[in-house]
Amino acid sequence: MKSETYEYWARENIAKGKAEGIAEGKAEAILTVLSARGIEVSDDFSERIRKCHDFDRLNSRLRAAATVDSSDELLGDIS
């Protein structure tokens, strides 16, 4: 593998890894906020929120987690 090709590959994969890590952190933050508020979360919800990698959706769910009465209110368009 040529040096330039490797550097491109490395940058791409590092960026992808960072994005995945940020999404995972946001998902865990949502679950932590809900837990701290005493809101029960189903296994299905946990799985769905952890699979989401859309920063905008995760950010809006994180903000909403501070005020919702149930985790069902956060599902919306999380797929």
PDB file of N, CA and C in Angstrom:
ATOM      1  N   MET A   1       0.858  -1.170   0.000  1.00  0.00           N
ATOM      2  CA  MET A   1       0.000   0.000   0.000  1.00  0.00           C
ATOM      3  C   MET A   1       0.899   1.226   0.000  1.00  0.00           C
ATOM      4  N   LYS A   2       0.642   2.124  -0.920  1.00  0.00           N
ATOM      5  CA  LYS A   2       1.443   3.336  -0.985  1.00  0.00           C
ATOM      6  C   LYS A   2       1.163   4.214   0.221  1.00  0.00           C
ATOM      7  N   SER A   3       2.133   5.039   0.559  1.00  0.00           N
ATOM      8  CA  SER A   3       2.036   5.894   1.734  1.00  0.00           C
ATOM      9  C   SER A   3       0.805   6.799   1.682  1.00  0.00           C
ATOM     10  N   GLU A   4       0.538   7.415   0.518  1.00  0.00           N
ATOM     11  CA  GLU A   4      -0.603   8.333   0.389  1.00  0.00           C
ATOM     12  C   GLU A   4      -1.928   7.581   0.558  1.00  0.00           C
ATOM     13  N   THR A   5      -1.987   6.392  -0.004  1.00  0.00           N
ATOM     14  CA  THR A   5      -3.201   5.586   0.098  1.00  0.00           C
ATOM     15  C   THR A   5      -3.438   5.184   1.545  1.00  0.00           C
ATOM     16  N   TYR A   6      -2.378   4.772   2.211  1.00  0.00           N
ATOM     17  CA  TYR A   6      -2.499   4.383   3.617  1.00  0.00           C
ATOM     18  C   TYR A   6      -2.943   5.568   4.468  1.00  0.00           C
ATOM     19  N   GLU A   7      -2.347   6.737   4.241  1.00  0.00           N
ATOM     20  CA  GLU A   7      -2.706   7.916   5.025  1.00  0.00           C
ATOM     21  C   GLU A   7      -4.175   8.272   4.821  1.00  0.00           C
ATOM     22  N   TYR A   8      -4.660   8.190   3.597  1.00  0.00           N
ATOM     23  CA  TYR A   8      -6.068   8.470   3.316  1.00  0.00           C
ATOM     24  C   TYR A   8      -6.950   7.456   4.048  1.00  0.00           C
ATOM     25  N   TRP A   9      -6.597   6.181   3.934  1.00  0.00           N
ATOM     26  CA  TRP A   9      -7.351   5.115   4.590  1.00  0.00           C
ATOM     27  C   TRP A   9      -7.365   5.339   6.102  1.00  0.00           C
ATOM     28  N   ALA A  10      -6.210   5.680   6.656  1.00  0.00           N
ATOM     29  CA  ALA A  10      -6.108   5.882   8.104  1.00  0.00           C
ATOM     30  C   ALA A  10      -6.967   7.064   8.543  1.00  0.00           C
ATOM     31  N   ARG A  11      -6.898   8.168   7.819  1.00  0.00           N
ATOM     32  CA  ARG A  11      -7.718   9.338   8.178  1.00  0.00           C
ATOM     33  C   ARG A  11      -9.197   9.022   8.117  1.00  0.00           C
ATOM     34  N   GLU A  12      -9.615   8.329   7.075  1.00  0.00           N
ATOM     35  CA  GLU A  12     -11.022   7.969   6.915  1.00  0.00           C
ATOM     36  C   GLU A  12     -11.494   7.095   8.071  1.00  0.00           C
ATOM     37  N   ASN A  13     -10.708   6.120   8.431  1.00  0.00           N
ATOM     38  CA  ASN A  13     -11.098   5.199   9.492  1.00  0.00           C
ATOM     39  C   ASN A  13     -11.038   5.843  10.872  1.00  0.00           C
ATOM     40  N   ILE A  14     -10.099   6.731  11.072  1.00  0.00           N
ATOM     41  CA  ILE A  14     -10.039   7.462  12.341  1.00  0.00           C
ATOM     42  C   ILE A  14     -11.270   8.352  12.471  1.00  0.00           C
ATOM     43  N   ALA A  15     -11.634   9.046  11.399  1.00  0.00           N
ATOM     44  CA  ALA A  15     -12.821   9.905  11.424  1.00  0.00           C
ATOM     45  C   ALA A  15     -14.084   9.087  11.677  1.00  0.00           C
ATOM     46  N   LYS A  16     -14.181   7.936  11.035  1.00  0.00           N
ATOM     47  CA  LYS A  16     -15.337   7.066  11.228  1.00  0.00           C
ATOM     48  C   LYS A  16     -15.399   6.580  12.675  1.00  0.00           C
ATOM     49  N   GLY A  17     -14.267   6.197  13.215  1.00  0.00           N
ATOM     50  CA  GLY A  17     -14.216   5.739  14.601  1.00  0.00           C
ATOM     51  C   GLY A  17     -14.600   6.828  15.589  1.00  0.00           C
ATOM     52  N   LYS A  18     -14.146   8.056  15.332  1.00  0.00           N
ATOM     53  CA  LYS A  18     -14.509   9.176  16.201  1.00  0.00           C
ATOM     54  C   LYS A  18     -16.014   9.415  16.165  1.00  0.00           C
ATOM     55  N   ALA A  19     -16.592   9.401  14.977  1.00  0.00           N
ATOM     56  CA  ALA A  19     -18.030   9.627  14.836  1.00  0.00           C
ATOM     57  C   ALA A  19     -18.819   8.547  15.567  1.00  0.00           C
ATOM     58  N   GLU A  20     -18.391   7.308  15.438  1.00  0.00           N
ATOM     59  CA  GLU A  20     -19.071   6.211  16.137  1.00  0.00           C
ATOM     60  C   GLU A  20     -18.956   6.386  17.646  1.00  0.00           C
ATOM     61  N   GLY A  21     -17.797   6.798  18.104  1.00  0.00           N
ATOM     62  CA  GLY A  21     -17.590   7.011  19.536  1.00  0.00           C
ATOM     63  C   GLY A  21     -18.453   8.141  20.077  1.00  0.00           C
ATOM     64  N   ILE A  22     -18.577   9.212  19.314  1.00  0.00           N
ATOM     65  CA  ILE A  22     -19.426  10.328  19.732  1.00  0.00           C
ATOM     66  C   ILE A  22     -20.882   9.889  19.819  1.00  0.00           C
ATOM     67  N   ALA A  23     -21.345   9.149  18.811  1.00  0.00           N
ATOM     68  CA  ALA A  23     -22.728   8.660  18.812  1.00  0.00           C
ATOM     69  C   ALA A  23     -22.973   7.739  19.999  1.00  0.00           C
ATOM     70  N   GLU A  24     -22.032   6.848  20.279  1.00  0.00           N
ATOM     71  CA  GLU A  24     -22.173   5.942  21.419  1.00  0.00           C
ATOM     72  C   GLU A  24     -22.241   6.731  22.722  1.00  0.00           C
ATOM     73  N   GLY A  25     -21.424   7.768  22.831  1.00  0.00           N
ATOM     74  CA  GLY A  25     -21.427   8.600  24.036  1.00  0.00           C
ATOM     75  C   GLY A  25     -22.753   9.320  24.226  1.00  0.00           C
ATOM     76  N   LYS A  26     -23.323   9.826  23.131  1.00  0.00           N
ATOM     77  CA  LYS A  26     -24.621  10.506  23.214  1.00  0.00           C
ATOM     78  C   LYS A  26     -25.714   9.524  23.613  1.00  0.00           C
ATOM     79  N   ALA A  27     -25.687   8.326  23.054  1.00  0.00           N
ATOM     80  CA  ALA A  27     -26.685   7.316  23.399  1.00  0.00           C
ATOM     81  C   ALA A  27     -26.580   6.958  24.879  1.00  0.00           C
ATOM     82  N   GLU A  28     -25.369   6.773  25.362  1.00  0.00           N
ATOM     83  CA  GLU A  28     -25.177   6.450  26.780  1.00  0.00           C
ATOM     84  C   GLU A  28     -25.624   7.613  27.662  1.00  0.00           C
ATOM     85  N   ALA A  29     -25.405   8.836  27.215  1.00  0.00           N
ATOM     86  CA  ALA A  29     -25.846  10.006  27.988  1.00  0.00           C
ATOM     87  C   ALA A  29     -27.364  10.032  28.105  1.00  0.00           C
ATOM     88  N   ILE A  30     -28.044   9.714  27.021  1.00  0.00           N
ATOM     89  CA  ILE A  30     -29.516   9.662  27.045  1.00  0.00           C
ATOM     90  C   ILE A  30     -29.972   8.633  28.068  1.00  0.00           C
ATOM     91  N   LEU A  31     -29.392   7.457  28.018  1.00  0.00           N
ATOM     92  CA  LEU A  31     -29.768   6.397  28.951  1.00  0.00           C
ATOM     93  C   LEU A  31     -29.434   6.772  30.392  1.00  0.00           C
ATOM     94  N   THR A  32     -28.339   7.456  30.597  1.00  0.00           N
ATOM     95  CA  THR A  32     -27.943   7.890  31.932  1.00  0.00           C
ATOM     96  C   THR A  32     -28.912   8.925  32.492  1.00  0.00           C
ATOM     97  N   VAL A  33     -29.295   9.885  31.669  1.00  0.00           N
ATOM     98  CA  VAL A  33     -30.244  10.908  32.115  1.00  0.00           C
ATOM     99  C   VAL A  33     -31.569  10.266  32.493  1.00  0.00           C
ATOM    100  N   LEU A  34     -32.061   9.374  31.633  1.00  0.00           N
ATOM    101  CA  LEU A  34     -33.323   8.705  31.935  1.00  0.00           C
ATOM    102  C   LEU A  34     -33.221   7.903  33.224  1.00  0.00           C
ATOM    103  N   SER A  35     -32.129   7.191  33.404  1.00  0.00           N
ATOM    104  CA  SER A  35     -31.929   6.405  34.609  1.00  0.00           C
ATOM    105  C   SER A  35     -31.879   7.296  35.846  1.00  0.00           C
ATOM    106  N   ALA A  36     -31.165   8.399  35.766  1.00  0.00           N
ATOM    107  CA  ALA A  36     -31.049   9.321  36.889  1.00  0.00           C
ATOM    108  C   ALA A  36     -32.401   9.917  37.264  1.00  0.00           C
ATOM    109  N   ARG A  37     -33.277  10.034  36.295  1.00  0.00           N
ATOM    110  CA  ARG A  37     -34.614  10.571  36.548  1.00  0.00           C
ATOM    111  C   ARG A  37     -35.592   9.483  36.969  1.00  0.00           C
ATOM    112  N   GLY A  38     -35.129   8.240  37.047  1.00  0.00           N
ATOM    113  CA  GLY A  38     -35.982   7.135  37.466  1.00  0.00           C
ATOM    114  C   GLY A  38     -36.941   6.651  36.396  1.00  0.00           C
ATOM    115  N   ILE A  39     -36.624   6.934  35.142  1.00  0.00           N
ATOM    116  CA  ILE A  39     -37.472   6.509  34.030  1.00  0.00           C
ATOM    117  C   ILE A  39     -36.992   5.158  33.530  1.00  0.00           C
ATOM    118  N   GLU A  40     -37.904   4.201  33.527  1.00  0.00           N
ATOM    119  CA  GLU A  40     -37.560   2.858  33.062  1.00  0.00           C
ATOM    120  C   GLU A  40     -37.354   2.848  31.555  1.00  0.00           C
ATOM    121  N   VAL A  41     -36.399   2.040  31.138  1.00  0.00           N
ATOM    122  CA  VAL A  41     -36.060   1.930  29.725  1.00  0.00           C
ATOM    123  C   VAL A  41     -36.085   0.453  29.347  1.00  0.00           C
ATOM    124  N   SER A  42     -36.822   0.141  28.286  1.00  0.00           N
ATOM    125  CA  SER A  42     -36.887  -1.249  27.827  1.00  0.00           C
ATOM    126  C   SER A  42     -35.595  -1.638  27.112  1.00  0.00           C
ATOM    127  N   ASP A  43     -35.382  -2.932  27.003  1.00  0.00           N
ATOM    128  CA  ASP A  43     -34.213  -3.419  26.253  1.00  0.00           C
ATOM    129  C   ASP A  43     -34.307  -2.975  24.795  1.00  0.00           C
ATOM    130  N   ASP A  44     -35.526  -2.988  24.240  1.00  0.00           N
ATOM    131  CA  ASP A  44     -35.732  -2.553  22.853  1.00  0.00           C
ATOM    132  C   ASP A  44     -35.323  -1.099  22.681  1.00  0.00           C
ATOM    133  N   PHE A  45     -35.730  -0.241  23.615  1.00  0.00           N
ATOM    134  CA  PHE A  45     -35.362   1.170  23.540  1.00  0.00           C
ATOM    135  C   PHE A  45     -33.854   1.327  23.608  1.00  0.00           C
ATOM    136  N   SER A  46     -33.229   0.659  24.569  1.00  0.00           N
ATOM    137  CA  SER A  46     -31.768   0.755  24.709  1.00  0.00           C
ATOM    138  C   SER A  46     -31.065   0.345  23.425  1.00  0.00           C
ATOM    139  N   GLU A  47     -31.517  -0.740  22.847  1.00  0.00           N
ATOM    140  CA  GLU A  47     -30.909  -1.222  21.607  1.00  0.00           C
ATOM    141  C   GLU A  47     -31.098  -0.217  20.479  1.00  0.00           C
ATOM    142  N   ARG A  48     -32.305   0.294  20.345  1.00  0.00           N
ATOM    143  CA  ARG A  48     -32.585   1.239  19.258  1.00  0.00           C
ATOM    144  C   ARG A  48     -31.798   2.538  19.410  1.00  0.00           C
ATOM    145  N   ILE A  49     -31.711   3.055  20.620  1.00  0.00           N
ATOM    146  CA  ILE A  49     -30.987   4.311  20.825  1.00  0.00           C
ATOM    147  C   ILE A  49     -29.489   4.101  20.609  1.00  0.00           C
ATOM    148  N   ARG A  50     -28.987   2.931  20.982  1.00  0.00           N
ATOM    149  CA  ARG A  50     -27.557   2.651  20.787  1.00  0.00           C
ATOM    150  C   ARG A  50     -27.201   2.437  19.314  1.00  0.00           C
ATOM    151  N   LYS A  51     -28.158   2.008  18.513  1.00  0.00           N
ATOM    152  CA  LYS A  51     -27.898   1.789  17.088  1.00  0.00           C
ATOM    153  C   LYS A  51     -27.986   3.076  16.271  1.00  0.00           C
ATOM    154  N   CYS A  52     -28.588   4.112  16.842  1.00  0.00           N
ATOM    155  CA  CYS A  52     -28.738   5.377  16.120  1.00  0.00           C
ATOM    156  C   CYS A  52     -27.390   6.095  16.055  1.00  0.00           C
ATOM    157  N   HIS A  53     -27.031   6.566  14.875  1.00  0.00           N
ATOM    158  CA  HIS A  53     -25.794   7.320  14.704  1.00  0.00           C
ATOM    159  C   HIS A  53     -26.032   8.692  14.087  1.00  0.00           C
ATOM    160  N   ASP A  54     -27.272   9.144  14.130  1.00  0.00           N
ATOM    161  CA  ASP A  54     -27.634  10.463  13.617  1.00  0.00           C
ATOM    162  C   ASP A  54     -27.467  11.483  14.748  1.00  0.00           C
ATOM    163  N   PHE A  55     -26.447  12.332  14.639  1.00  0.00           N
ATOM    164  CA  PHE A  55     -26.144  13.286  15.706  1.00  0.00           C
ATOM    165  C   PHE A  55     -27.324  14.207  16.011  1.00  0.00           C
ATOM    166  N   ASP A  56     -28.018  14.679  14.990  1.00  0.00           N
ATOM    167  CA  ASP A  56     -29.142  15.584  15.224  1.00  0.00           C
ATOM    168  C   ASP A  56     -30.237  14.906  16.040  1.00  0.00           C
ATOM    169  N   ARG A  57     -30.576  13.680  15.671  1.00  0.00           N
ATOM    170  CA  ARG A  57     -31.597  12.939  16.416  1.00  0.00           C
ATOM    171  C   ARG A  57     -31.143  12.672  17.844  1.00  0.00           C
ATOM    172  N   LEU A  58     -29.907  12.256  18.003  1.00  0.00           N
ATOM    173  CA  LEU A  58     -29.395  11.971  19.340  1.00  0.00           C
ATOM    174  C   LEU A  58     -29.359  13.231  20.200  1.00  0.00           C
ATOM    175  N   ASN A  59     -28.948  14.342  19.626  1.00  0.00           N
ATOM    176  CA  ASN A  59     -28.925  15.607  20.371  1.00  0.00           C
ATOM    177  C   ASN A  59     -30.320  16.006  20.823  1.00  0.00           C
ATOM    178  N   SER A  60     -31.308  15.879  19.933  1.00  0.00           N
ATOM    179  CA  SER A  60     -32.669  16.264  20.316  1.00  0.00           C
ATOM    180  C   SER A  60     -33.211  15.316  21.378  1.00  0.00           C
ATOM    181  N   ARG A  61     -32.890  14.021  21.286  1.00  0.00           N
ATOM    182  CA  ARG A  61     -33.334  13.062  22.289  1.00  0.00           C
ATOM    183  C   ARG A  61     -32.658  13.315  23.630  1.00  0.00           C
ATOM    184  N   LEU A  62     -31.403  13.726  23.594  1.00  0.00           N
ATOM    185  CA  LEU A  62     -30.694  14.022  24.838  1.00  0.00           C
ATOM    186  C   LEU A  62     -31.332  15.215  25.544  1.00  0.00           C
ATOM    187  N   ARG A  63     -31.646  16.262  24.799  1.00  0.00           N
ATOM    188  CA  ARG A  63     -32.321  17.418  25.398  1.00  0.00           C
ATOM    189  C   ARG A  63     -33.683  17.020  25.955  1.00  0.00           C
ATOM    190  N   ALA A  64     -34.421  16.227  25.195  1.00  0.00           N
ATOM    191  CA  ALA A  64     -35.757  15.820  25.617  1.00  0.00           C
ATOM    192  C   ALA A  64     -35.718  14.885  26.822  1.00  0.00           C
ATOM    193  N   ALA A  65     -34.655  14.108  26.959  1.00  0.00           N
ATOM    194  CA  ALA A  65     -34.548  13.162  28.070  1.00  0.00           C
ATOM    195  C   ALA A  65     -34.639  13.873  29.418  1.00  0.00           C
ATOM    196  N   ALA A  66     -34.310  15.135  29.451  1.00  0.00           N
ATOM    197  CA  ALA A  66     -34.351  15.896  30.697  1.00  0.00           C
ATOM    198  C   ALA A  66     -35.776  16.222  31.137  1.00  0.00           C
ATOM    199  N   THR A  67     -36.754  16.102  30.226  1.00  0.00           N
ATOM    200  CA  THR A  67     -38.102  16.546  30.575  1.00  0.00           C
ATOM    201  C   THR A  67     -39.221  15.541  30.301  1.00  0.00           C
ATOM    202  N   VAL A  68     -38.958  14.475  29.569  1.00  0.00           N
ATOM    203  CA  VAL A  68     -40.028  13.529  29.218  1.00  0.00           C
ATOM    204  C   VAL A  68     -40.492  12.747  30.438  1.00  0.00           C
ATOM    205  N   ASP A  69     -41.695  12.190  30.332  1.00  0.00           N
ATOM    206  CA  ASP A  69     -42.239  11.371  31.409  1.00  0.00           C
ATOM    207  C   ASP A  69     -41.997   9.887  31.199  1.00  0.00           C
ATOM    208  N   SER A  70     -41.678   9.499  29.951  1.00  0.00           N
ATOM    209  CA  SER A  70     -41.384   8.092  29.659  1.00  0.00           C
ATOM    210  C   SER A  70     -40.438   8.006  28.470  1.00  0.00           C
ATOM    211  N   SER A  71     -39.737   6.895  28.383  1.00  0.00           N
ATOM    212  CA  SER A  71     -38.807   6.729  27.269  1.00  0.00           C
ATOM    213  C   SER A  71     -39.541   6.601  25.933  1.00  0.00           C
ATOM    214  N   ASP A  72     -40.796   6.159  25.981  1.00  0.00           N
ATOM    215  CA  ASP A  72     -41.590   6.030  24.746  1.00  0.00           C
ATOM    216  C   ASP A  72     -41.708   7.360  24.008  1.00  0.00           C
ATOM    217  N   GLU A  73     -41.697   8.452  24.753  1.00  0.00           N
ATOM    218  CA  GLU A  73     -41.800   9.776  24.135  1.00  0.00           C
ATOM    219  C   GLU A  73     -40.573  10.108  23.297  1.00  0.00           C
ATOM    220  N   LEU A  74     -39.480   9.417  23.512  1.00  0.00           N
ATOM    221  CA  LEU A  74     -38.244   9.694  22.783  1.00  0.00           C
ATOM    222  C   LEU A  74     -38.078   8.868  21.513  1.00  0.00           C
ATOM    223  N   LEU A  75     -38.846   7.824  21.365  1.00  0.00           N
ATOM    224  CA  LEU A  75     -38.624   6.926  20.226  1.00  0.00           C
ATOM    225  C   LEU A  75     -38.814   7.618  18.899  1.00  0.00           C
ATOM    226  N   GLY A  76     -39.937   8.263  18.683  1.00  0.00           N
ATOM    227  CA  GLY A  76     -40.168   8.992  17.447  1.00  0.00           C
ATOM    228  C   GLY A  76     -39.640   8.295  16.223  1.00  0.00           C
ATOM    229  N   ASP A  77     -38.702   8.929  15.553  1.00  0.00           N
ATOM    230  CA  ASP A  77     -38.170   8.388  14.297  1.00  0.00           C
ATOM    231  C   ASP A  77     -36.834   7.699  14.482  1.00  0.00           C
ATOM    232  N   ILE A  78     -36.533   7.269  15.694  1.00  0.00           N
ATOM    233  CA  ILE A  78     -35.320   6.457  15.907  1.00  0.00           C
ATOM    234  C   ILE A  78     -35.578   5.101  15.308  1.00  0.00           C
ATOM    235  N   SER A  79     -34.687   4.671  14.418  1.00  0.00           N
ATOM    236  CA  SER A  79     -34.874   3.359  13.800  1.00  0.00           C
ATOM    237  C   SER A  79     -33.724   2.444  14.100  1.00  0.00           C
TER     238      SER A  79
END
